[in-house]
Amino acid sequence: MMNSSLYDVSINALTGNPIQLSSFEGKYILFVNVASECGFTPQYKDLQHLSDTYPNLVVIGVPCNQFGKQEPGNANEIQRFCERNYGVDFLITEKIEVKGSNQHPLYQWLTKKSKNGKKSSSVKWNFQKYLVDTEGKLIDYYYSITKPMSSKITKHLKG
């Protein structure tokens, strides 16, 4: 099967406005399924630090309520929580499903080798990370325990 392009995937921002992933061509993108009530939620601070440290990186938080119902909020509540508690100014998408029969096309691309051309994976918990290179190709994924500033991630960003 032909690989599809990440840049063809549609997803909306938390505000409801469409995000054109193709506008990030030439930059790395780190997708992270986020939740406000998770033990890993303090990673928001490190994700913001990562975003501030590497101008060639776009961090995109993807709220999801599929793991322990740890993201119960609506768009306004999620936005306020992120800004107030962690000073987040990186992009946050609409709340989606990252696994199962209603899996969003973005996560179909991230988790299916038939679409991304690299590897298949499953999302195990909140704050799992997917790193995409400057040409929209999947580099790798990292489980929740991998800190955002980990060398596993940053070694790809030092160009």
N, C-alpha and C. Protein backbone atom coordinates (compact mmCIF):
# COMPACT_ATOMS: atom_id res chain seq x y z
N MET A 1 0.84 -1.19 0.00
CA MET A 1 0.00 0.00 0.00
C MET A 1 0.89 1.25 0.00
N MET A 2 0.44 2.27 -0.70
CA MET A 2 1.19 3.52 -0.75
C MET A 2 1.15 4.24 0.59
N ASN A 3 2.30 4.77 0.98
CA ASN A 3 2.32 5.61 2.18
C ASN A 3 1.55 6.89 1.85
N SER A 4 0.86 7.42 2.85
CA SER A 4 0.19 8.69 2.64
C SER A 4 1.04 9.77 3.30
N SER A 5 0.79 11.00 2.97
CA SER A 5 1.57 12.10 3.52
C SER A 5 0.92 12.65 4.79
N LEU A 6 1.73 12.87 5.78
CA LEU A 6 1.26 13.52 7.01
C LEU A 6 0.62 14.87 6.66
N TYR A 7 1.18 15.55 5.67
CA TYR A 7 0.72 16.89 5.33
C TYR A 7 -0.68 16.91 4.72
N ASP A 8 -1.21 15.73 4.39
CA ASP A 8 -2.58 15.65 3.87
C ASP A 8 -3.62 15.46 4.97
N VAL A 9 -3.16 15.22 6.20
CA VAL A 9 -4.07 14.95 7.31
C VAL A 9 -4.67 16.27 7.80
N SER A 10 -5.96 16.24 8.12
CA SER A 10 -6.64 17.43 8.64
C SER A 10 -6.93 17.24 10.12
N ILE A 11 -6.69 18.28 10.88
CA ILE A 11 -7.06 18.30 12.30
C ILE A 11 -7.30 19.75 12.68
N ASN A 12 -8.17 19.97 13.64
CA ASN A 12 -8.48 21.34 14.06
C ASN A 12 -7.74 21.69 15.34
N ALA A 13 -7.47 22.96 15.50
CA ALA A 13 -6.91 23.47 16.75
C ALA A 13 -8.00 23.43 17.82
N LEU A 14 -7.59 23.59 19.05
CA LEU A 14 -8.52 23.61 20.18
C LEU A 14 -9.59 24.70 19.97
N THR A 15 -9.20 25.76 19.27
CA THR A 15 -10.12 26.87 18.99
C THR A 15 -11.13 26.52 17.91
N GLY A 16 -10.91 25.39 17.21
CA GLY A 16 -11.82 24.99 16.13
C GLY A 16 -11.29 25.33 14.75
N ASN A 17 -10.25 26.16 14.68
CA ASN A 17 -9.68 26.52 13.38
C ASN A 17 -8.87 25.36 12.81
N PRO A 18 -8.95 25.13 11.49
CA PRO A 18 -8.17 24.04 10.90
C PRO A 18 -6.67 24.32 11.00
N ILE A 19 -5.91 23.26 11.26
CA ILE A 19 -4.45 23.34 11.28
C ILE A 19 -3.96 22.75 9.96
N GLN A 20 -3.18 23.49 9.23
CA GLN A 20 -2.57 22.98 7.99
C GLN A 20 -1.20 22.42 8.35
N LEU A 21 -1.11 21.10 8.50
CA LEU A 21 0.17 20.50 8.88
C LEU A 21 1.25 20.80 7.85
N SER A 22 0.84 20.99 6.59
CA SER A 22 1.81 21.30 5.54
C SER A 22 2.53 22.62 5.79
N SER A 23 1.93 23.49 6.61
CA SER A 23 2.59 24.78 6.91
C SER A 23 3.82 24.57 7.80
N PHE A 24 3.99 23.36 8.35
CA PHE A 24 5.15 23.08 9.19
C PHE A 24 6.24 22.33 8.43
N GLU A 25 6.06 22.19 7.12
CA GLU A 25 7.10 21.54 6.32
C GLU A 25 8.40 22.30 6.51
N GLY A 26 9.51 21.56 6.69
CA GLY A 26 10.79 22.19 6.96
C GLY A 26 11.11 22.26 8.45
N LYS A 27 10.15 21.89 9.28
CA LYS A 27 10.36 21.84 10.73
C LYS A 27 10.07 20.43 11.23
N TYR A 28 10.67 20.09 12.36
CA TYR A 28 10.32 18.86 13.05
C TYR A 28 8.97 19.09 13.75
N ILE A 29 8.20 18.03 13.90
CA ILE A 29 6.94 18.12 14.64
C ILE A 29 6.94 17.02 15.70
N LEU A 30 6.61 17.39 16.93
CA LEU A 30 6.44 16.41 17.99
C LEU A 30 4.98 16.41 18.40
N PHE A 31 4.30 15.29 18.13
CA PHE A 31 2.90 15.13 18.52
C PHE A 31 2.87 14.42 19.86
N VAL A 32 2.08 14.94 20.79
CA VAL A 32 1.98 14.35 22.13
C VAL A 32 0.51 14.29 22.52
N ASN A 33 0.01 13.09 22.84
CA ASN A 33 -1.37 13.03 23.33
C ASN A 33 -1.35 13.42 24.80
N VAL A 34 -2.03 14.50 25.12
CA VAL A 34 -1.94 15.14 26.43
C VAL A 34 -3.23 14.97 27.24
N ALA A 35 -3.10 15.13 28.54
CA ALA A 35 -4.24 15.05 29.45
C ALA A 35 -3.93 15.91 30.69
N SER A 36 -4.97 16.56 31.21
CA SER A 36 -4.80 17.50 32.32
C SER A 36 -4.70 16.84 33.69
N GLU A 37 -5.18 15.60 33.81
CA GLU A 37 -5.26 14.97 35.13
C GLU A 37 -4.43 13.70 35.22
N CYS A 38 -3.27 13.71 34.59
CA CYS A 38 -2.41 12.52 34.50
C CYS A 38 -1.15 12.74 35.33
N GLY A 39 -0.56 11.66 35.79
CA GLY A 39 0.71 11.75 36.50
C GLY A 39 1.82 12.35 35.65
N PHE A 40 1.69 12.25 34.33
CA PHE A 40 2.69 12.81 33.43
C PHE A 40 2.37 14.25 33.02
N THR A 41 1.27 14.81 33.51
CA THR A 41 0.86 16.16 33.13
C THR A 41 1.96 17.21 33.34
N PRO A 42 2.81 17.11 34.39
CA PRO A 42 3.90 18.09 34.53
C PRO A 42 4.82 18.14 33.31
N GLN A 43 4.76 17.16 32.42
CA GLN A 43 5.57 17.21 31.20
C GLN A 43 5.18 18.40 30.31
N TYR A 44 4.00 18.98 30.53
CA TYR A 44 3.63 20.20 29.79
C TYR A 44 4.75 21.24 29.91
N LYS A 45 5.30 21.39 31.13
CA LYS A 45 6.35 22.38 31.36
C LYS A 45 7.57 22.06 30.51
N ASP A 46 7.97 20.79 30.48
CA ASP A 46 9.14 20.39 29.68
C ASP A 46 8.85 20.47 28.18
N LEU A 47 7.61 20.20 27.78
CA LEU A 47 7.25 20.34 26.37
C LEU A 47 7.36 21.80 25.95
N GLN A 48 6.94 22.71 26.83
CA GLN A 48 7.07 24.14 26.53
C GLN A 48 8.54 24.52 26.44
N HIS A 49 9.36 24.00 27.36
CA HIS A 49 10.81 24.27 27.35
C HIS A 49 11.42 23.75 26.05
N LEU A 50 11.03 22.56 25.64
CA LEU A 50 11.52 21.97 24.39
C LEU A 50 11.14 22.86 23.21
N SER A 51 9.89 23.30 23.19
CA SER A 51 9.39 24.17 22.14
C SER A 51 10.18 25.49 22.10
N ASP A 52 10.48 26.05 23.27
CA ASP A 52 11.22 27.30 23.36
C ASP A 52 12.68 27.13 22.96
N THR A 53 13.25 25.95 23.22
CA THR A 53 14.67 25.69 23.01
C THR A 53 15.01 25.41 21.54
N TYR A 54 14.11 24.77 20.84
CA TYR A 54 14.39 24.36 19.46
C TYR A 54 13.44 25.05 18.48
N PRO A 55 13.90 26.15 17.87
CA PRO A 55 13.04 26.88 16.94
C PRO A 55 12.68 26.08 15.69
N ASN A 56 13.42 24.99 15.43
CA ASN A 56 13.13 24.15 14.26
C ASN A 56 12.12 23.06 14.59
N LEU A 57 11.48 23.16 15.77
CA LEU A 57 10.52 22.16 16.24
C LEU A 57 9.16 22.80 16.50
N VAL A 58 8.12 22.10 16.07
CA VAL A 58 6.74 22.48 16.41
C VAL A 58 6.21 21.39 17.34
N VAL A 59 5.86 21.77 18.56
CA VAL A 59 5.23 20.84 19.49
C VAL A 59 3.72 20.98 19.34
N ILE A 60 3.03 19.85 19.19
CA ILE A 60 1.58 19.87 19.06
C ILE A 60 0.99 18.93 20.10
N GLY A 61 0.27 19.50 21.05
CA GLY A 61 -0.42 18.72 22.07
C GLY A 61 -1.78 18.27 21.53
N VAL A 62 -2.10 17.00 21.76
CA VAL A 62 -3.34 16.42 21.24
C VAL A 62 -4.14 15.86 22.41
N PRO A 63 -5.10 16.64 22.95
CA PRO A 63 -5.88 16.16 24.09
C PRO A 63 -6.67 14.89 23.76
N CYS A 64 -6.67 13.97 24.71
CA CYS A 64 -7.35 12.70 24.53
C CYS A 64 -7.85 12.24 25.89
N ASN A 65 -9.08 11.71 25.93
CA ASN A 65 -9.70 11.28 27.18
C ASN A 65 -9.81 9.75 27.25
N GLN A 66 -8.99 9.04 26.48
CA GLN A 66 -9.13 7.58 26.38
C GLN A 66 -8.35 6.81 27.43
N PHE A 67 -7.49 7.47 28.19
CA PHE A 67 -6.66 6.77 29.16
C PHE A 67 -7.04 7.26 30.55
N GLY A 68 -7.79 6.44 31.27
CA GLY A 68 -8.19 6.81 32.63
C GLY A 68 -9.10 8.01 32.71
N LYS A 69 -9.73 8.39 31.59
CA LYS A 69 -10.62 9.57 31.57
C LYS A 69 -9.93 10.79 32.19
N GLN A 70 -8.64 10.98 31.83
CA GLN A 70 -7.84 12.02 32.47
C GLN A 70 -7.85 13.36 31.72
N GLU A 71 -8.66 13.46 30.68
CA GLU A 71 -8.85 14.74 30.00
C GLU A 71 -10.34 14.98 29.81
N PRO A 72 -11.07 15.23 30.93
CA PRO A 72 -12.52 15.39 30.83
C PRO A 72 -12.96 16.77 30.33
N GLY A 73 -12.07 17.74 30.30
CA GLY A 73 -12.45 19.12 30.03
C GLY A 73 -12.89 19.38 28.60
N ASN A 74 -13.61 20.50 28.43
CA ASN A 74 -13.93 20.97 27.09
C ASN A 74 -12.79 21.86 26.60
N ALA A 75 -12.90 22.37 25.39
CA ALA A 75 -11.81 23.13 24.78
C ALA A 75 -11.38 24.32 25.64
N ASN A 76 -12.34 25.09 26.16
CA ASN A 76 -11.98 26.26 26.98
C ASN A 76 -11.28 25.85 28.26
N GLU A 77 -11.77 24.79 28.91
CA GLU A 77 -11.16 24.33 30.15
C GLU A 77 -9.73 23.83 29.91
N ILE A 78 -9.53 23.10 28.83
CA ILE A 78 -8.20 22.59 28.51
C ILE A 78 -7.25 23.75 28.25
N GLN A 79 -7.68 24.72 27.46
CA GLN A 79 -6.85 25.89 27.13
C GLN A 79 -6.46 26.66 28.40
N ARG A 80 -7.44 26.94 29.24
CA ARG A 80 -7.16 27.67 30.48
C ARG A 80 -6.19 26.90 31.36
N PHE A 81 -6.42 25.60 31.50
CA PHE A 81 -5.56 24.75 32.33
C PHE A 81 -4.11 24.82 31.85
N CYS A 82 -3.91 24.66 30.56
CA CYS A 82 -2.55 24.63 30.00
C CYS A 82 -1.84 25.97 30.18
N GLU A 83 -2.55 27.05 29.92
CA GLU A 83 -1.95 28.38 30.04
C GLU A 83 -1.68 28.74 31.50
N ARG A 84 -2.67 28.51 32.36
CA ARG A 84 -2.56 28.91 33.75
C ARG A 84 -1.52 28.09 34.50
N ASN A 85 -1.52 26.78 34.32
CA ASN A 85 -0.66 25.92 35.11
C ASN A 85 0.73 25.72 34.54
N TYR A 86 0.86 25.81 33.21
CA TYR A 86 2.15 25.48 32.61
C TYR A 86 2.66 26.52 31.61
N GLY A 87 1.94 27.60 31.43
CA GLY A 87 2.38 28.64 30.50
C GLY A 87 2.50 28.15 29.07
N VAL A 88 1.68 27.19 28.72
CA VAL A 88 1.76 26.58 27.39
C VAL A 88 1.32 27.57 26.32
N ASP A 89 2.18 27.77 25.32
CA ASP A 89 1.75 28.55 24.17
C ASP A 89 1.97 27.78 22.87
N PHE A 90 2.37 26.50 22.99
CA PHE A 90 2.45 25.70 21.76
C PHE A 90 1.05 25.27 21.36
N LEU A 91 0.95 24.75 20.16
CA LEU A 91 -0.33 24.40 19.55
C LEU A 91 -0.99 23.23 20.27
N ILE A 92 -2.28 23.39 20.56
CA ILE A 92 -3.08 22.31 21.13
C ILE A 92 -4.24 22.06 20.14
N THR A 93 -4.46 20.80 19.82
CA THR A 93 -5.52 20.46 18.88
C THR A 93 -6.85 20.23 19.61
N GLU A 94 -7.87 19.98 18.81
CA GLU A 94 -9.15 19.53 19.34
C GLU A 94 -8.93 18.19 20.06
N LYS A 95 -9.86 17.86 20.97
CA LYS A 95 -9.78 16.58 21.66
C LYS A 95 -10.19 15.48 20.69
N ILE A 96 -9.36 14.43 20.60
CA ILE A 96 -9.61 13.35 19.64
C ILE A 96 -9.43 11.99 20.32
N GLU A 97 -9.70 10.93 19.55
CA GLU A 97 -9.39 9.57 19.98
C GLU A 97 -8.14 9.13 19.24
N VAL A 98 -7.17 8.59 20.00
CA VAL A 98 -5.88 8.20 19.43
C VAL A 98 -5.78 6.70 19.17
N LYS A 99 -6.82 5.96 19.54
CA LYS A 99 -6.85 4.51 19.30
C LYS A 99 -8.30 4.08 19.16
N GLY A 100 -8.47 2.83 18.70
CA GLY A 100 -9.83 2.28 18.60
C GLY A 100 -10.52 2.59 17.29
N SER A 101 -11.80 2.26 17.24
CA SER A 101 -12.56 2.36 15.99
C SER A 101 -12.79 3.80 15.54
N ASN A 102 -12.70 4.76 16.46
CA ASN A 102 -12.85 6.18 16.11
C ASN A 102 -11.52 6.91 16.10
N GLN A 103 -10.43 6.15 15.89
CA GLN A 103 -9.09 6.75 15.87
C GLN A 103 -9.03 7.85 14.81
N HIS A 104 -8.54 9.00 15.22
CA HIS A 104 -8.41 10.15 14.31
C HIS A 104 -7.41 9.83 13.19
N PRO A 105 -7.64 10.34 11.98
CA PRO A 105 -6.71 10.10 10.88
C PRO A 105 -5.25 10.46 11.20
N LEU A 106 -5.02 11.48 12.02
CA LEU A 106 -3.65 11.82 12.40
C LEU A 106 -2.99 10.63 13.08
N TYR A 107 -3.69 10.02 14.02
CA TYR A 107 -3.10 8.89 14.75
C TYR A 107 -3.13 7.61 13.93
N GLN A 108 -4.01 7.52 12.94
CA GLN A 108 -3.91 6.40 11.99
C GLN A 108 -2.57 6.51 11.27
N TRP A 109 -2.23 7.73 10.84
CA TRP A 109 -0.96 7.94 10.14
C TRP A 109 0.22 7.66 11.08
N LEU A 110 0.17 8.18 12.29
CA LEU A 110 1.29 8.02 13.22
C LEU A 110 1.51 6.56 13.63
N THR A 111 0.44 5.76 13.71
CA THR A 111 0.56 4.42 14.29
C THR A 111 0.52 3.27 13.28
N LYS A 112 0.30 3.55 12.01
CA LYS A 112 0.20 2.47 11.03
C LYS A 112 1.31 2.56 9.99
N LYS A 113 2.13 1.52 9.93
CA LYS A 113 3.24 1.49 8.96
C LYS A 113 2.72 1.65 7.54
N SER A 114 1.54 1.14 7.26
CA SER A 114 0.99 1.24 5.90
C SER A 114 0.76 2.70 5.50
N LYS A 115 0.65 3.57 6.47
CA LYS A 115 0.45 4.99 6.18
C LYS A 115 1.74 5.80 6.31
N ASN A 116 2.54 5.53 7.38
CA ASN A 116 3.73 6.35 7.63
C ASN A 116 4.99 5.77 6.99
N GLY A 117 4.93 4.51 6.53
CA GLY A 117 6.06 3.92 5.84
C GLY A 117 7.21 3.49 6.72
N LYS A 118 7.12 3.70 8.03
CA LYS A 118 8.24 3.41 8.91
C LYS A 118 7.95 2.29 9.90
N LYS A 119 6.94 2.46 10.74
CA LYS A 119 6.64 1.44 11.74
C LYS A 119 5.24 1.59 12.29
N SER A 120 4.74 0.49 12.82
CA SER A 120 3.44 0.50 13.48
C SER A 120 3.65 0.56 14.98
N SER A 121 2.70 1.13 15.68
CA SER A 121 2.77 1.24 17.14
C SER A 121 1.35 1.34 17.66
N SER A 122 1.23 1.27 18.97
CA SER A 122 -0.06 1.57 19.58
C SER A 122 0.19 2.56 20.70
N VAL A 123 -0.78 3.43 20.91
CA VAL A 123 -0.65 4.43 21.95
C VAL A 123 -1.01 3.75 23.27
N LYS A 124 -0.05 3.75 24.20
CA LYS A 124 -0.21 3.02 25.46
C LYS A 124 -0.78 3.88 26.58
N TRP A 125 -0.49 5.19 26.58
CA TRP A 125 -0.93 6.04 27.68
C TRP A 125 -0.78 7.50 27.27
N ASN A 126 -1.23 8.41 28.12
CA ASN A 126 -1.08 9.84 27.89
C ASN A 126 0.40 10.21 27.79
N PHE A 127 0.68 11.24 27.03
CA PHE A 127 2.02 11.80 26.86
C PHE A 127 2.97 10.87 26.11
N GLN A 128 2.42 9.99 25.26
CA GLN A 128 3.26 9.27 24.30
C GLN A 128 3.59 10.27 23.20
N LYS A 129 4.82 10.21 22.70
CA LYS A 129 5.31 11.22 21.77
C LYS A 129 5.66 10.60 20.42
N TYR A 130 5.35 11.32 19.35
CA TYR A 130 5.70 10.91 17.99
C TYR A 130 6.48 12.05 17.34
N LEU A 131 7.70 11.76 16.89
CA LEU A 131 8.55 12.78 16.27
C LEU A 131 8.59 12.56 14.76
N VAL A 132 8.34 13.65 14.04
CA VAL A 132 8.31 13.65 12.58
C VAL A 132 9.40 14.60 12.09
N ASP A 133 10.09 14.20 11.02
CA ASP A 133 11.19 15.02 10.53
C ASP A 133 10.71 16.18 9.67
N THR A 134 11.67 16.93 9.13
CA THR A 134 11.37 18.17 8.40
C THR A 134 10.68 17.92 7.06
N GLU A 135 10.66 16.66 6.64
CA GLU A 135 9.97 16.31 5.38
C GLU A 135 8.67 15.56 5.64
N GLY A 136 8.23 15.55 6.91
CA GLY A 136 6.97 14.89 7.24
C GLY A 136 7.06 13.38 7.34
N LYS A 137 8.26 12.88 7.61
CA LYS A 137 8.45 11.43 7.76
C LYS A 137 8.60 11.09 9.24
N LEU A 138 7.98 10.00 9.66
CA LEU A 138 8.08 9.57 11.06
C LEU A 138 9.52 9.19 11.39
N ILE A 139 10.05 9.76 12.47
CA ILE A 139 11.37 9.36 12.97
C ILE A 139 11.19 8.21 13.94
N ASP A 140 10.38 8.43 14.99
CA ASP A 140 10.18 7.39 16.00
C ASP A 140 9.09 7.84 16.96
N TYR A 141 8.75 6.93 17.87
CA TYR A 141 7.81 7.28 18.93
C TYR A 141 8.45 6.94 20.26
N TYR A 142 7.95 7.58 21.31
CA TYR A 142 8.54 7.47 22.65
C TYR A 142 7.41 7.34 23.65
N TYR A 143 7.53 6.38 24.54
CA TYR A 143 6.49 6.18 25.56
C TYR A 143 6.48 7.33 26.56
N SER A 144 5.45 7.38 27.36
CA SER A 144 5.21 8.47 28.32
C SER A 144 6.39 8.74 29.23
N ILE A 145 7.11 7.69 29.61
CA ILE A 145 8.22 7.87 30.57
C ILE A 145 9.40 8.63 29.96
N THR A 146 9.47 8.73 28.63
CA THR A 146 10.54 9.49 27.99
C THR A 146 10.25 10.98 28.17
N LYS A 147 11.14 11.65 28.87
CA LYS A 147 10.94 13.08 29.13
C LYS A 147 11.13 13.88 27.84
N PRO A 148 10.39 14.97 27.69
CA PRO A 148 10.48 15.76 26.46
C PRO A 148 11.91 16.22 26.13
N MET A 149 12.73 16.54 27.14
CA MET A 149 14.09 17.01 26.88
C MET A 149 15.10 15.86 26.80
N SER A 150 14.62 14.62 26.75
CA SER A 150 15.49 13.46 26.65
C SER A 150 16.35 13.52 25.40
N SER A 151 17.58 13.04 25.51
CA SER A 151 18.46 13.01 24.34
C SER A 151 17.91 12.10 23.25
N LYS A 152 17.03 11.16 23.61
CA LYS A 152 16.40 10.31 22.60
C LYS A 152 15.65 11.18 21.58
N ILE A 153 15.10 12.29 22.06
CA ILE A 153 14.36 13.21 21.19
C ILE A 153 15.28 14.32 20.68
N THR A 154 16.00 14.97 21.59
CA THR A 154 16.76 16.17 21.21
C THR A 154 17.91 15.87 20.25
N LYS A 155 18.43 14.63 20.26
CA LYS A 155 19.54 14.33 19.34
C LYS A 155 19.13 14.52 17.88
N HIS A 156 17.83 14.39 17.58
CA HIS A 156 17.34 14.56 16.22
C HIS A 156 17.20 16.04 15.86
N LEU A 157 17.11 16.91 16.86
CA LEU A 157 16.79 18.32 16.63
C LEU A 157 18.04 19.19 16.52
N LYS A 158 19.17 18.63 16.91
CA LYS A 158 20.42 19.40 16.86
C LYS A 158 20.99 19.28 15.47
N GLY A 159 20.71 20.28 14.65
CA GLY A 159 21.10 20.18 13.26
C GLY A 159 22.21 21.03 12.93
